[in-house]
Amino acid sequence: MKAVITVVGKDQVGILALIANECANAQINIADVSQTILDGIFTMTMVVEFSEASVALSEFSGYMRNLGESKGLVIRVMNQAIFDSMHRI
């Protein structure tokens, strides 16, 4: 199962590393990543693979949401099928 991680917040050192490390700790493989910084605002979309994950999507999603809040970031994790449905015209 694939999931999409989105991150938005004020640019700061180590955001990508933070997310990548948390994925690695949970045995979640990063399949693709896109990031940009617009006028000091960091935005990232990451597609990850949960097939070997050591945690459930719902647990990881809640953990990442809380981690984001503690770092001044908005971090969301959702099933890619739901993400695709939300963005289909």
N, C-alpha and C. Protein backbone atom coordinates (compact mmCIF):
# COMPACT_ATOMS: atom_id res chain seq x y z
N MET A 1 0.84 -1.17 0.00
CA MET A 1 0.00 0.00 0.00
C MET A 1 0.89 1.24 0.00
N LYS A 2 0.51 2.20 -0.81
CA LYS A 2 1.26 3.46 -0.87
C LYS A 2 0.51 4.53 -0.08
N ALA A 3 1.29 5.48 0.42
CA ALA A 3 0.72 6.62 1.14
C ALA A 3 1.41 7.88 0.66
N VAL A 4 0.77 9.01 0.93
CA VAL A 4 1.31 10.32 0.57
C VAL A 4 1.54 11.10 1.86
N ILE A 5 2.74 11.62 2.01
CA ILE A 5 3.07 12.48 3.14
C ILE A 5 3.22 13.89 2.60
N THR A 6 2.51 14.84 3.19
CA THR A 6 2.68 16.24 2.81
C THR A 6 3.19 17.02 4.03
N VAL A 7 4.07 17.97 3.76
CA VAL A 7 4.67 18.79 4.81
C VAL A 7 4.64 20.24 4.34
N VAL A 8 4.17 21.13 5.20
CA VAL A 8 4.16 22.56 4.91
C VAL A 8 4.58 23.30 6.18
N GLY A 9 5.42 24.30 6.01
CA GLY A 9 5.81 25.11 7.16
C GLY A 9 6.94 26.05 6.82
N LYS A 10 7.30 26.87 7.79
CA LYS A 10 8.42 27.79 7.62
C LYS A 10 9.68 26.97 7.38
N ASP A 11 10.46 27.37 6.39
CA ASP A 11 11.68 26.64 6.06
C ASP A 11 12.64 26.64 7.25
N GLN A 12 13.23 25.48 7.49
CA GLN A 12 14.23 25.33 8.54
C GLN A 12 15.14 24.16 8.18
N VAL A 13 16.31 24.14 8.72
CA VAL A 13 17.28 23.09 8.43
C VAL A 13 16.75 21.74 8.91
N GLY A 14 16.86 20.71 8.05
CA GLY A 14 16.61 19.35 8.47
C GLY A 14 15.22 18.80 8.32
N ILE A 15 14.31 19.51 7.65
CA ILE A 15 12.94 18.99 7.53
C ILE A 15 12.92 17.68 6.76
N LEU A 16 13.54 17.66 5.59
CA LEU A 16 13.55 16.44 4.79
C LEU A 16 14.21 15.29 5.55
N ALA A 17 15.31 15.57 6.23
CA ALA A 17 16.01 14.55 7.02
C ALA A 17 15.13 14.03 8.14
N LEU A 18 14.39 14.91 8.79
CA LEU A 18 13.49 14.52 9.87
C LEU A 18 12.45 13.51 9.38
N ILE A 19 11.80 13.83 8.26
CA ILE A 19 10.76 12.97 7.72
C ILE A 19 11.37 11.66 7.23
N ALA A 20 12.50 11.73 6.53
CA ALA A 20 13.15 10.53 6.02
C ALA A 20 13.58 9.60 7.16
N ASN A 21 14.10 10.16 8.24
CA ASN A 21 14.52 9.35 9.38
C ASN A 21 13.34 8.66 10.04
N GLU A 22 12.23 9.37 10.17
CA GLU A 22 11.04 8.76 10.77
C GLU A 22 10.51 7.64 9.89
N CYS A 23 10.56 7.82 8.59
CA CYS A 23 10.15 6.75 7.67
C CYS A 23 11.08 5.54 7.84
N ALA A 24 12.37 5.78 7.86
CA ALA A 24 13.33 4.69 8.01
C ALA A 24 13.13 3.95 9.33
N ASN A 25 12.89 4.68 10.39
CA ASN A 25 12.67 4.05 11.70
C ASN A 25 11.46 3.13 11.69
N ALA A 26 10.46 3.44 10.85
CA ALA A 26 9.23 2.64 10.77
C ALA A 26 9.27 1.65 9.60
N GLN A 27 10.44 1.49 8.98
CA GLN A 27 10.59 0.57 7.83
C GLN A 27 9.67 0.95 6.67
N ILE A 28 9.50 2.26 6.46
CA ILE A 28 8.67 2.78 5.37
C ILE A 28 9.61 3.26 4.27
N ASN A 29 9.46 2.71 3.07
CA ASN A 29 10.33 3.05 1.96
C ASN A 29 9.84 4.31 1.24
N ILE A 30 10.74 5.23 0.95
CA ILE A 30 10.40 6.44 0.21
C ILE A 30 10.51 6.12 -1.28
N ALA A 31 9.39 6.24 -1.99
CA ALA A 31 9.35 5.94 -3.42
C ALA A 31 9.63 7.17 -4.28
N ASP A 32 9.17 8.33 -3.83
CA ASP A 32 9.34 9.56 -4.61
C ASP A 32 9.18 10.75 -3.68
N VAL A 33 9.85 11.85 -4.01
CA VAL A 33 9.75 13.05 -3.19
C VAL A 33 9.90 14.29 -4.07
N SER A 34 9.12 15.30 -3.75
CA SER A 34 9.22 16.60 -4.42
C SER A 34 9.14 17.66 -3.33
N GLN A 35 10.04 18.61 -3.40
CA GLN A 35 10.00 19.69 -2.41
C GLN A 35 10.34 21.01 -3.08
N THR A 36 9.86 22.06 -2.47
CA THR A 36 10.19 23.40 -2.95
C THR A 36 10.10 24.37 -1.78
N ILE A 37 10.76 25.50 -1.93
CA ILE A 37 10.69 26.56 -0.95
C ILE A 37 10.24 27.81 -1.69
N LEU A 38 9.10 28.34 -1.28
CA LEU A 38 8.53 29.54 -1.90
C LEU A 38 8.46 30.64 -0.85
N ASP A 39 9.24 31.68 -1.03
CA ASP A 39 9.23 32.82 -0.12
C ASP A 39 9.37 32.40 1.34
N GLY A 40 10.26 31.43 1.59
CA GLY A 40 10.52 30.99 2.95
C GLY A 40 9.58 29.91 3.47
N ILE A 41 8.63 29.48 2.65
CA ILE A 41 7.70 28.43 3.04
C ILE A 41 8.12 27.12 2.38
N PHE A 42 8.39 26.11 3.21
CA PHE A 42 8.79 24.79 2.74
C PHE A 42 7.54 23.97 2.44
N THR A 43 7.52 23.33 1.27
CA THR A 43 6.44 22.40 0.93
C THR A 43 7.06 21.13 0.37
N MET A 44 6.52 19.99 0.78
CA MET A 44 7.04 18.72 0.31
C MET A 44 5.90 17.72 0.16
N THR A 45 5.98 16.95 -0.91
CA THR A 45 5.09 15.82 -1.11
C THR A 45 5.96 14.59 -1.29
N MET A 46 5.66 13.55 -0.53
CA MET A 46 6.46 12.33 -0.55
C MET A 46 5.52 11.14 -0.74
N VAL A 47 5.85 10.26 -1.66
CA VAL A 47 5.10 9.01 -1.83
C VAL A 47 5.93 7.92 -1.17
N VAL A 48 5.29 7.17 -0.27
CA VAL A 48 5.99 6.13 0.48
C VAL A 48 5.27 4.79 0.34
N GLU A 49 6.01 3.72 0.57
CA GLU A 49 5.50 2.36 0.45
C GLU A 49 5.40 1.74 1.84
N PHE A 50 4.20 1.29 2.19
CA PHE A 50 3.95 0.73 3.52
C PHE A 50 4.02 -0.78 3.57
N SER A 51 4.42 -1.46 2.51
CA SER A 51 4.35 -2.93 2.48
C SER A 51 5.22 -3.60 3.56
N GLU A 52 6.31 -2.97 3.95
CA GLU A 52 7.20 -3.54 4.98
C GLU A 52 7.16 -2.74 6.28
N ALA A 53 6.20 -1.83 6.41
CA ALA A 53 6.16 -0.94 7.57
C ALA A 53 5.97 -1.70 8.88
N SER A 54 6.60 -1.20 9.92
CA SER A 54 6.49 -1.81 11.24
C SER A 54 5.35 -1.20 12.06
N VAL A 55 4.64 -0.23 11.49
CA VAL A 55 3.50 0.41 12.16
C VAL A 55 2.34 0.53 11.18
N ALA A 56 1.14 0.66 11.72
CA ALA A 56 -0.04 0.87 10.89
C ALA A 56 -0.07 2.31 10.37
N LEU A 57 -0.71 2.51 9.25
CA LEU A 57 -0.82 3.85 8.67
C LEU A 57 -1.44 4.84 9.66
N SER A 58 -2.50 4.44 10.34
CA SER A 58 -3.18 5.35 11.27
C SER A 58 -2.26 5.75 12.43
N GLU A 59 -1.48 4.81 12.92
CA GLU A 59 -0.54 5.10 14.01
C GLU A 59 0.56 6.06 13.53
N PHE A 60 1.13 5.78 12.37
CA PHE A 60 2.19 6.63 11.82
C PHE A 60 1.65 8.03 11.52
N SER A 61 0.44 8.09 10.99
CA SER A 61 -0.17 9.38 10.67
C SER A 61 -0.33 10.24 11.92
N GLY A 62 -0.84 9.66 12.98
CA GLY A 62 -1.00 10.41 14.23
C GLY A 62 0.33 10.86 14.81
N TYR A 63 1.31 9.96 14.76
CA TYR A 63 2.64 10.28 15.26
C TYR A 63 3.24 11.45 14.48
N MET A 64 3.13 11.40 13.15
CA MET A 64 3.71 12.45 12.32
C MET A 64 2.98 13.78 12.50
N ARG A 65 1.67 13.73 12.69
CA ARG A 65 0.90 14.95 12.94
C ARG A 65 1.42 15.63 14.21
N ASN A 66 1.59 14.84 15.27
CA ASN A 66 2.09 15.38 16.54
C ASN A 66 3.53 15.89 16.41
N LEU A 67 4.36 15.15 15.69
CA LEU A 67 5.73 15.58 15.46
C LEU A 67 5.75 16.92 14.73
N GLY A 68 4.91 17.04 13.71
CA GLY A 68 4.83 18.29 12.96
C GLY A 68 4.44 19.45 13.85
N GLU A 69 3.45 19.25 14.69
CA GLU A 69 3.01 20.32 15.59
C GLU A 69 4.15 20.76 16.51
N SER A 70 4.95 19.81 16.97
CA SER A 70 6.06 20.15 17.87
C SER A 70 7.18 20.90 17.14
N LYS A 71 7.23 20.79 15.82
CA LYS A 71 8.28 21.44 15.02
C LYS A 71 7.77 22.66 14.25
N GLY A 72 6.50 23.02 14.44
CA GLY A 72 5.94 24.16 13.71
C GLY A 72 5.61 23.84 12.27
N LEU A 73 5.33 22.57 11.97
CA LEU A 73 5.02 22.11 10.62
C LEU A 73 3.65 21.47 10.58
N VAL A 74 3.06 21.46 9.41
CA VAL A 74 1.83 20.69 9.19
C VAL A 74 2.23 19.45 8.40
N ILE A 75 2.14 18.28 9.04
CA ILE A 75 2.50 17.02 8.40
C ILE A 75 1.25 16.15 8.35
N ARG A 76 0.91 15.69 7.15
CA ARG A 76 -0.24 14.82 6.96
C ARG A 76 0.20 13.57 6.22
N VAL A 77 -0.35 12.43 6.63
CA VAL A 77 -0.07 11.15 5.98
C VAL A 77 -1.41 10.52 5.65
N MET A 78 -1.60 10.16 4.37
CA MET A 78 -2.85 9.52 4.00
C MET A 78 -2.63 8.46 2.93
N ASN A 79 -3.53 7.50 2.91
CA ASN A 79 -3.51 6.45 1.90
C ASN A 79 -3.52 7.10 0.53
N GLN A 80 -2.68 6.64 -0.39
CA GLN A 80 -2.60 7.26 -1.71
C GLN A 80 -3.92 7.16 -2.46
N ALA A 81 -4.67 6.08 -2.27
CA ALA A 81 -5.96 5.93 -2.95
C ALA A 81 -6.92 7.04 -2.53
N ILE A 82 -6.92 7.39 -1.26
CA ILE A 82 -7.77 8.49 -0.77
C ILE A 82 -7.27 9.81 -1.32
N PHE A 83 -5.96 10.01 -1.30
CA PHE A 83 -5.37 11.24 -1.84
C PHE A 83 -5.74 11.40 -3.32
N ASP A 84 -5.62 10.32 -4.09
CA ASP A 84 -5.96 10.37 -5.52
C ASP A 84 -7.42 10.70 -5.72
N SER A 85 -8.30 10.12 -4.93
CA SER A 85 -9.73 10.39 -5.05
C SER A 85 -10.06 11.84 -4.72
N MET A 86 -9.39 12.41 -3.74
CA MET A 86 -9.64 13.80 -3.35
C MET A 86 -9.22 14.78 -4.44
N HIS A 87 -8.24 14.39 -5.26
CA HIS A 87 -7.69 15.30 -6.25
C HIS A 87 -8.08 14.96 -7.69
N ARG A 88 -9.05 14.07 -7.82
CA ARG A 88 -9.54 13.71 -9.14
C ARG A 88 -10.62 14.71 -9.56
N ILE A 89 -10.54 15.18 -10.77
CA ILE A 89 -11.52 16.16 -11.26
C ILE A 89 -12.76 15.45 -11.77
